[in-house]
Amino acid sequence: MLIDCDACVMKGPGCQDCVVTVVLGFAAERSGSLRIDDDEMAALDALADSGLVPPLRLVHAVSSVEPDAAAQTPAGEGETAVGSG
């Protein structure tokens, strides 16, 4: 997984309670990206789920929605919530 802090819409206010800042040592002002593998992500998720560390707050902005995909999905089906973590 690539964690790109420059592309995160939570950069700034979300950094104080993000596992990248708290555990991995990235400063809130630091730019750049970090690559972690699936095992590392699973470990961070397990720690966050148990309340030992904050979750990953990475949220990417949606640049566009493909019209064909939106037209094929009936209202209310296939919707997902976008949030932290």
C-alpha atoms as a PDB file:
ATOM      1  CA  MET A   1       0.000   0.000   0.000  1.00  0.00           C
ATOM      2  CA  LEU A   2       1.260   3.442  -0.869  1.00  0.00           C
ATOM      3  CA  ILE A   3       0.498   6.096   1.713  1.00  0.00           C
ATOM      4  CA  ASP A   4       0.871   9.473   0.023  1.00  0.00           C
ATOM      5  CA  CYS A   5       0.497  12.191   2.629  1.00  0.00           C
ATOM      6  CA  ASP A   6       0.620  14.909  -0.036  1.00  0.00           C
ATOM      7  CA  ALA A   7      -2.538  13.519  -1.663  1.00  0.00           C
ATOM      8  CA  CYS A   8      -4.445  13.067   1.611  1.00  0.00           C
ATOM      9  CA  VAL A   9      -7.351  15.460   2.119  1.00  0.00           C
ATOM     10  CA  MET A  10      -6.964  14.993   5.884  1.00  0.00           C
ATOM     11  CA  LYS A  11      -3.422  16.440   5.834  1.00  0.00           C
ATOM     12  CA  GLY A  12      -3.132  18.971   8.601  1.00  0.00           C
ATOM     13  CA  PRO A  13      -6.118  18.408  10.902  1.00  0.00           C
ATOM     14  CA  GLY A  14      -6.062  14.603  10.569  1.00  0.00           C
ATOM     15  CA  CYS A  15      -2.317  14.194  11.106  1.00  0.00           C
ATOM     16  CA  GLN A  16      -2.497  14.495  14.888  1.00  0.00           C
ATOM     17  CA  ASP A  17      -4.591  11.321  15.146  1.00  0.00           C
ATOM     18  CA  CYS A  18      -3.117   9.243  12.309  1.00  0.00           C
ATOM     19  CA  VAL A  19      -0.987   6.139  12.719  1.00  0.00           C
ATOM     20  CA  VAL A  20       1.526   7.540  10.227  1.00  0.00           C
ATOM     21  CA  THR A  21       2.319  10.459  12.525  1.00  0.00           C
ATOM     22  CA  VAL A  22       1.931   8.699  15.874  1.00  0.00           C
ATOM     23  CA  VAL A  23       3.629   5.347  15.262  1.00  0.00           C
ATOM     24  CA  LEU A  24       5.605   5.625  12.042  1.00  0.00           C
ATOM     25  CA  GLY A  25       7.159   8.960  12.969  1.00  0.00           C
ATOM     26  CA  PHE A  26       6.184  11.147  10.021  1.00  0.00           C
ATOM     27  CA  ALA A  27       5.905  14.765  11.099  1.00  0.00           C
ATOM     28  CA  ALA A  28       2.666  16.518  10.175  1.00  0.00           C
ATOM     29  CA  GLU A  29       4.668  18.999   8.094  1.00  0.00           C
ATOM     30  CA  ARG A  30       6.583  16.313   6.215  1.00  0.00           C
ATOM     31  CA  SER A  31       5.762  15.707   2.592  1.00  0.00           C
ATOM     32  CA  GLY A  32       6.169  12.503   0.718  1.00  0.00           C
ATOM     33  CA  SER A  33       4.954   8.976   0.630  1.00  0.00           C
ATOM     34  CA  LEU A  34       5.461   5.734   2.462  1.00  0.00           C
ATOM     35  CA  ARG A  35       5.088   2.192   1.170  1.00  0.00           C
ATOM     36  CA  ILE A  36       3.982  -0.560   3.544  1.00  0.00           C
ATOM     37  CA  ASP A  37       3.243  -4.174   2.652  1.00  0.00           C
ATOM     38  CA  ASP A  38       0.084  -6.156   3.379  1.00  0.00           C
ATOM     39  CA  ASP A  39       1.494  -7.746   6.543  1.00  0.00           C
ATOM     40  CA  GLU A  40       2.461  -4.354   7.965  1.00  0.00           C
ATOM     41  CA  MET A  41      -0.974  -2.939   7.104  1.00  0.00           C
ATOM     42  CA  ALA A  42      -2.668  -5.910   8.787  1.00  0.00           C
ATOM     43  CA  ALA A  43      -0.561  -5.366  11.908  1.00  0.00           C
ATOM     44  CA  LEU A  44      -1.398  -1.640  12.008  1.00  0.00           C
ATOM     45  CA  ASP A  45      -5.102  -2.436  11.502  1.00  0.00           C
ATOM     46  CA  ALA A  46      -5.016  -4.966  14.368  1.00  0.00           C
ATOM     47  CA  LEU A  47      -3.371  -2.434  16.676  1.00  0.00           C
ATOM     48  CA  ALA A  48      -5.896   0.243  15.679  1.00  0.00           C
ATOM     49  CA  ASP A  49      -8.857  -2.123  16.096  1.00  0.00           C
ATOM     50  CA  SER A  50      -7.711  -2.907  19.626  1.00  0.00           C
ATOM     51  CA  GLY A  51      -7.354   0.795  20.462  1.00  0.00           C
ATOM     52  CA  LEU A  52      -3.585   0.747  20.936  1.00  0.00           C
ATOM     53  CA  VAL A  53      -2.828   3.172  18.096  1.00  0.00           C
ATOM     54  CA  PRO A  54      -4.929   5.542  16.018  1.00  0.00           C
ATOM     55  CA  PRO A  55      -6.116   4.273  12.626  1.00  0.00           C
ATOM     56  CA  LEU A  56      -4.782   5.320   9.252  1.00  0.00           C
ATOM     57  CA  ARG A  57      -6.583   8.567   8.375  1.00  0.00           C
ATOM     58  CA  LEU A  58      -5.607   8.536   4.699  1.00  0.00           C
ATOM     59  CA  VAL A  59      -8.444   9.877   2.549  1.00  0.00           C
ATOM     60  CA  HIS A  60      -7.976  10.583  -1.147  1.00  0.00           C
ATOM     61  CA  ALA A  61     -10.202  13.073  -2.898  1.00  0.00           C
ATOM     62  CA  VAL A  62     -12.317  11.687  -5.715  1.00  0.00           C
ATOM     63  CA  SER A  63     -11.286  13.427  -8.911  1.00  0.00           C
ATOM     64  CA  SER A  64     -14.180  12.185 -11.041  1.00  0.00           C
ATOM     65  CA  VAL A  65     -16.947   9.630 -11.289  1.00  0.00           C
ATOM     66  CA  GLU A  66     -17.310   7.578 -14.442  1.00  0.00           C
ATOM     67  CA  PRO A  67     -20.812   8.247 -15.846  1.00  0.00           C
ATOM     68  CA  ASP A  68     -21.259   4.661 -17.095  1.00  0.00           C
ATOM     69  CA  ALA A  69     -20.552   3.151 -13.679  1.00  0.00           C
ATOM     70  CA  ALA A  70     -22.977   5.509 -11.938  1.00  0.00           C
ATOM     71  CA  ALA A  71     -25.733   4.835 -14.481  1.00  0.00           C
ATOM     72  CA  GLN A  72     -25.462   1.046 -14.126  1.00  0.00           C
ATOM     73  CA  THR A  73     -25.857   0.977 -10.335  1.00  0.00           C
ATOM     74  CA  PRO A  74     -29.481   1.220  -9.103  1.00  0.00           C
ATOM     75  CA  ALA A  75     -30.086   3.852  -6.431  1.00  0.00           C
ATOM     76  CA  GLY A  76     -28.954   2.744  -3.011  1.00  0.00           C
ATOM     77  CA  GLU A  77     -27.132  -0.371  -4.196  1.00  0.00           C
ATOM     78  CA  GLY A  78     -23.378  -0.623  -4.067  1.00  0.00           C
ATOM     79  CA  GLU A  79     -22.935   2.565  -2.110  1.00  0.00           C
ATOM     80  CA  THR A  80     -20.061   2.712   0.307  1.00  0.00           C
ATOM     81  CA  ALA A  81     -19.287   5.175   3.024  1.00  0.00           C
ATOM     82  CA  VAL A  82     -16.040   7.113   2.727  1.00  0.00           C
ATOM     83  CA  GLY A  83     -14.441   7.845   6.052  1.00  0.00           C
ATOM     84  CA  SER A  84     -11.288   7.526   8.079  1.00  0.00           C
ATOM     85  CA  GLY A  85      -9.217   4.428   8.006  1.00  0.00           C
END
